[in-house]
N, C-alpha and C. Protein backbone atom coordinates (compact mmCIF):
# COMPACT_ATOMS: atom_id res chain seq x y z
N MET A 1 -44.83 90.77 296.46
CA MET A 1 -45.36 89.64 297.17
C MET A 1 -44.43 88.44 297.00
N LEU A 2 -44.34 87.63 298.04
CA LEU A 2 -43.47 86.46 298.00
C LEU A 2 -44.06 85.37 297.12
N SER A 3 -43.20 84.69 296.40
CA SER A 3 -43.64 83.60 295.53
C SER A 3 -44.00 82.37 296.37
N HIS A 4 -44.71 81.46 295.75
CA HIS A 4 -45.10 80.21 296.41
C HIS A 4 -43.86 79.44 296.88
N SER A 5 -42.84 79.38 296.06
CA SER A 5 -41.62 78.66 296.42
C SER A 5 -40.93 79.29 297.61
N MET A 6 -40.88 80.62 297.65
CA MET A 6 -40.24 81.31 298.77
C MET A 6 -41.01 81.08 300.06
N LEU A 7 -42.34 81.10 299.99
CA LEU A 7 -43.15 80.82 301.18
C LEU A 7 -42.91 79.40 301.68
N LEU A 8 -42.75 78.47 300.76
CA LEU A 8 -42.49 77.09 301.13
C LEU A 8 -41.13 76.95 301.81
N VAL A 9 -40.13 77.64 301.32
CA VAL A 9 -38.80 77.61 301.93
C VAL A 9 -38.86 78.21 303.34
N ILE A 10 -39.55 79.32 303.49
CA ILE A 10 -39.69 79.95 304.81
C ILE A 10 -40.40 79.00 305.77
N SER A 11 -41.45 78.35 305.28
CA SER A 11 -42.18 77.39 306.10
C SER A 11 -41.28 76.23 306.53
N ILE A 12 -40.49 75.71 305.62
CA ILE A 12 -39.57 74.61 305.95
C ILE A 12 -38.58 75.04 307.02
N LEU A 13 -38.03 76.24 306.89
CA LEU A 13 -37.07 76.74 307.88
C LEU A 13 -37.72 76.92 309.26
N LEU A 14 -38.94 77.44 309.28
CA LEU A 14 -39.65 77.60 310.56
C LEU A 14 -39.98 76.26 311.19
N GLU A 15 -40.45 75.32 310.38
CA GLU A 15 -40.79 73.99 310.90
C GLU A 15 -39.55 73.28 311.44
N ALA A 16 -38.44 73.39 310.74
CA ALA A 16 -37.19 72.77 311.22
C ALA A 16 -36.73 73.42 312.51
N SER A 17 -36.88 74.73 312.62
CA SER A 17 -36.50 75.44 313.84
C SER A 17 -37.34 74.97 315.02
N ILE A 18 -38.64 74.83 314.80
CA ILE A 18 -39.53 74.35 315.87
C ILE A 18 -39.14 72.94 316.28
N ALA A 19 -38.82 72.08 315.33
CA ALA A 19 -38.42 70.71 315.65
C ALA A 19 -37.15 70.69 316.50
N VAL A 20 -36.17 71.52 316.15
CA VAL A 20 -34.92 71.58 316.92
C VAL A 20 -35.19 72.08 318.34
N ILE A 21 -35.99 73.12 318.48
CA ILE A 21 -36.29 73.65 319.81
C ILE A 21 -37.06 72.62 320.63
N ALA A 22 -37.97 71.88 319.99
CA ALA A 22 -38.71 70.84 320.70
C ALA A 22 -37.77 69.74 321.20
N VAL A 23 -36.79 69.35 320.39
CA VAL A 23 -35.81 68.35 320.83
C VAL A 23 -35.02 68.88 322.02
N LEU A 24 -34.60 70.13 321.95
CA LEU A 24 -33.86 70.72 323.07
C LEU A 24 -34.71 70.74 324.34
N ALA A 25 -35.98 71.07 324.21
CA ALA A 25 -36.89 71.07 325.37
C ALA A 25 -37.06 69.66 325.91
N ALA A 26 -37.19 68.68 325.02
CA ALA A 26 -37.36 67.30 325.45
C ALA A 26 -36.13 66.79 326.20
N ARG A 27 -34.97 67.22 325.76
CA ARG A 27 -33.72 66.79 326.41
C ARG A 27 -33.55 67.40 327.79
N GLN A 28 -34.34 68.43 328.10
CA GLN A 28 -34.29 69.07 329.42
C GLN A 28 -35.29 68.45 330.39
N GLY A 29 -35.69 67.23 330.13
CA GLY A 29 -36.55 66.53 331.07
C GLY A 29 -38.02 66.52 330.72
N ARG A 30 -38.37 66.89 329.51
CA ARG A 30 -39.77 66.84 329.07
C ARG A 30 -39.87 65.93 327.84
N PRO A 31 -39.72 64.61 328.03
CA PRO A 31 -39.63 63.70 326.89
C PRO A 31 -40.87 63.68 326.00
N TYR A 32 -42.02 64.03 326.52
CA TYR A 32 -43.24 64.04 325.70
C TYR A 32 -43.17 65.08 324.60
N VAL A 33 -42.28 66.06 324.71
CA VAL A 33 -42.15 67.09 323.68
C VAL A 33 -41.47 66.52 322.42
N TYR A 34 -40.88 65.33 322.53
CA TYR A 34 -40.37 64.67 321.32
C TYR A 34 -41.50 64.48 320.30
N GLY A 35 -42.72 64.33 320.79
CA GLY A 35 -43.86 64.19 319.89
C GLY A 35 -44.04 65.41 319.00
N LEU A 36 -43.85 66.60 319.57
CA LEU A 36 -43.93 67.81 318.76
C LEU A 36 -42.78 67.88 317.77
N ALA A 37 -41.61 67.44 318.20
CA ALA A 37 -40.46 67.42 317.29
C ALA A 37 -40.76 66.51 316.11
N PHE A 38 -41.30 65.33 316.38
CA PHE A 38 -41.63 64.40 315.30
C PHE A 38 -42.67 65.01 314.37
N THR A 39 -43.67 65.67 314.94
CA THR A 39 -44.72 66.29 314.14
C THR A 39 -44.14 67.30 313.17
N PHE A 40 -43.26 68.16 313.67
CA PHE A 40 -42.71 69.19 312.79
C PHE A 40 -41.68 68.63 311.81
N ILE A 41 -41.02 67.54 312.18
CA ILE A 41 -40.14 66.87 311.21
C ILE A 41 -40.99 66.30 310.07
N ALA A 42 -42.16 65.77 310.41
CA ALA A 42 -43.07 65.27 309.37
C ALA A 42 -43.50 66.40 308.44
N TYR A 43 -43.76 67.58 309.01
CA TYR A 43 -44.12 68.73 308.19
C TYR A 43 -42.97 69.13 307.26
N VAL A 44 -41.76 69.07 307.79
CA VAL A 44 -40.59 69.39 306.96
C VAL A 44 -40.49 68.40 305.79
N ILE A 45 -40.66 67.12 306.08
CA ILE A 45 -40.59 66.11 305.02
C ILE A 45 -41.66 66.36 303.97
N TYR A 46 -42.87 66.64 304.42
CA TYR A 46 -43.96 66.90 303.48
C TYR A 46 -43.66 68.12 302.61
N ASP A 47 -43.25 69.21 303.25
CA ASP A 47 -42.97 70.42 302.48
C ASP A 47 -41.76 70.26 301.56
N LEU A 48 -40.75 69.51 302.02
CA LEU A 48 -39.61 69.24 301.14
C LEU A 48 -40.04 68.42 299.92
N ALA A 49 -40.92 67.45 300.15
CA ALA A 49 -41.43 66.64 299.04
C ALA A 49 -42.16 67.52 298.03
N ARG A 50 -42.94 68.47 298.53
CA ARG A 50 -43.63 69.39 297.62
C ARG A 50 -42.64 70.30 296.90
N PHE A 51 -41.67 70.82 297.64
CA PHE A 51 -40.70 71.75 297.07
C PHE A 51 -39.83 71.07 296.02
N MET A 52 -39.40 69.86 296.32
CA MET A 52 -38.53 69.12 295.41
C MET A 52 -39.32 68.33 294.35
N GLN A 53 -40.65 68.39 294.47
CA GLN A 53 -41.56 67.71 293.55
C GLN A 53 -41.31 66.20 293.51
N TRP A 54 -41.13 65.62 294.70
CA TRP A 54 -40.97 64.17 294.80
C TRP A 54 -42.34 63.52 294.61
N PRO A 55 -42.40 62.40 293.92
CA PRO A 55 -43.68 61.73 293.68
C PRO A 55 -44.10 60.84 294.87
N VAL A 56 -44.42 61.44 295.99
CA VAL A 56 -44.77 60.67 297.19
C VAL A 56 -46.12 61.12 297.75
N GLU A 57 -47.13 61.09 296.95
CA GLU A 57 -48.46 61.47 297.41
C GLU A 57 -49.21 60.24 297.91
N GLY A 58 -50.38 60.46 298.38
CA GLY A 58 -51.28 59.37 298.74
C GLY A 58 -51.00 58.74 300.09
N PRO A 59 -51.02 57.41 300.13
CA PRO A 59 -50.96 56.69 301.40
C PRO A 59 -49.70 56.98 302.22
N LEU A 60 -48.57 57.17 301.58
CA LEU A 60 -47.34 57.43 302.32
C LEU A 60 -47.45 58.71 303.15
N LEU A 61 -47.87 59.80 302.52
CA LEU A 61 -48.00 61.06 303.25
C LEU A 61 -49.17 61.03 304.22
N SER A 62 -50.23 60.34 303.87
CA SER A 62 -51.37 60.22 304.79
C SER A 62 -50.93 59.48 306.05
N GLY A 63 -50.17 58.40 305.88
CA GLY A 63 -49.65 57.67 307.04
C GLY A 63 -48.72 58.52 307.88
N LEU A 64 -47.87 59.28 307.21
CA LEU A 64 -46.95 60.17 307.93
C LEU A 64 -47.71 61.20 308.73
N PHE A 65 -48.77 61.78 308.14
CA PHE A 65 -49.55 62.77 308.86
C PHE A 65 -50.35 62.14 310.00
N LEU A 66 -50.80 60.91 309.84
CA LEU A 66 -51.47 60.22 310.93
C LEU A 66 -50.51 60.03 312.10
N LEU A 67 -49.30 59.56 311.82
CA LEU A 67 -48.30 59.40 312.88
C LEU A 67 -47.96 60.75 313.52
N ALA A 68 -47.84 61.79 312.71
CA ALA A 68 -47.54 63.13 313.24
C ALA A 68 -48.66 63.61 314.15
N SER A 69 -49.89 63.35 313.78
CA SER A 69 -51.03 63.76 314.61
C SER A 69 -51.05 62.99 315.93
N LEU A 70 -50.76 61.70 315.88
CA LEU A 70 -50.69 60.91 317.11
C LEU A 70 -49.56 61.39 318.01
N ALA A 71 -48.41 61.72 317.41
CA ALA A 71 -47.28 62.22 318.19
C ALA A 71 -47.61 63.57 318.82
N ALA A 72 -48.29 64.44 318.08
CA ALA A 72 -48.69 65.74 318.63
C ALA A 72 -49.69 65.55 319.77
N LEU A 73 -50.62 64.62 319.61
CA LEU A 73 -51.59 64.34 320.66
C LEU A 73 -50.88 63.86 321.92
N ALA A 74 -49.93 62.96 321.77
CA ALA A 74 -49.17 62.47 322.93
C ALA A 74 -48.40 63.62 323.59
N ALA A 75 -47.85 64.50 322.79
CA ALA A 75 -47.09 65.63 323.32
C ALA A 75 -47.98 66.58 324.12
N VAL A 76 -49.10 66.96 323.56
CA VAL A 76 -49.96 67.90 324.29
C VAL A 76 -50.61 67.24 325.49
N TRP A 77 -50.85 65.93 325.41
CA TRP A 77 -51.35 65.22 326.58
C TRP A 77 -50.30 65.25 327.70
N GLY A 78 -49.04 65.05 327.33
CA GLY A 78 -47.96 65.13 328.31
C GLY A 78 -47.85 66.53 328.90
N LEU A 79 -48.01 67.54 328.09
CA LEU A 79 -47.98 68.92 328.60
C LEU A 79 -49.14 69.17 329.56
N TYR A 80 -50.30 68.65 329.23
CA TYR A 80 -51.48 68.81 330.08
C TYR A 80 -51.31 68.08 331.40
N ARG A 81 -50.76 66.88 331.35
CA ARG A 81 -50.62 66.05 332.56
C ARG A 81 -49.47 66.52 333.45
N ASN A 82 -48.53 67.28 332.91
CA ASN A 82 -47.37 67.73 333.67
C ASN A 82 -47.26 69.25 333.59
N PRO A 83 -48.14 69.96 334.28
CA PRO A 83 -48.07 71.42 334.22
C PRO A 83 -46.78 71.93 334.86
N PRO A 84 -46.35 73.14 334.47
CA PRO A 84 -45.13 73.70 335.06
C PRO A 84 -45.31 73.91 336.57
N VAL A 85 -44.24 73.70 337.29
CA VAL A 85 -44.25 73.91 338.75
C VAL A 85 -44.07 75.40 339.01
N LYS A 86 -44.93 75.93 339.87
CA LYS A 86 -44.84 77.37 340.19
C LYS A 86 -44.20 77.61 341.52
């Protein structure tokens, strides 16, 4: 079974990959997808803080997650308002 640290590293790599793909999608004319990129960058920061054992708990991470949630909401709202052309 994978250790907690290994799972955290895998999670960080997946989150970073999603953020990069979201930026690439946003650069192709879907700027609202930057919100998803920001959300997953926030997840990377949070998981890195846990992995590196940085003392940044409480209001700082709560604020970061609030901003990430707002960015994700804006992104999915943009996806909803701009469906793909068929």
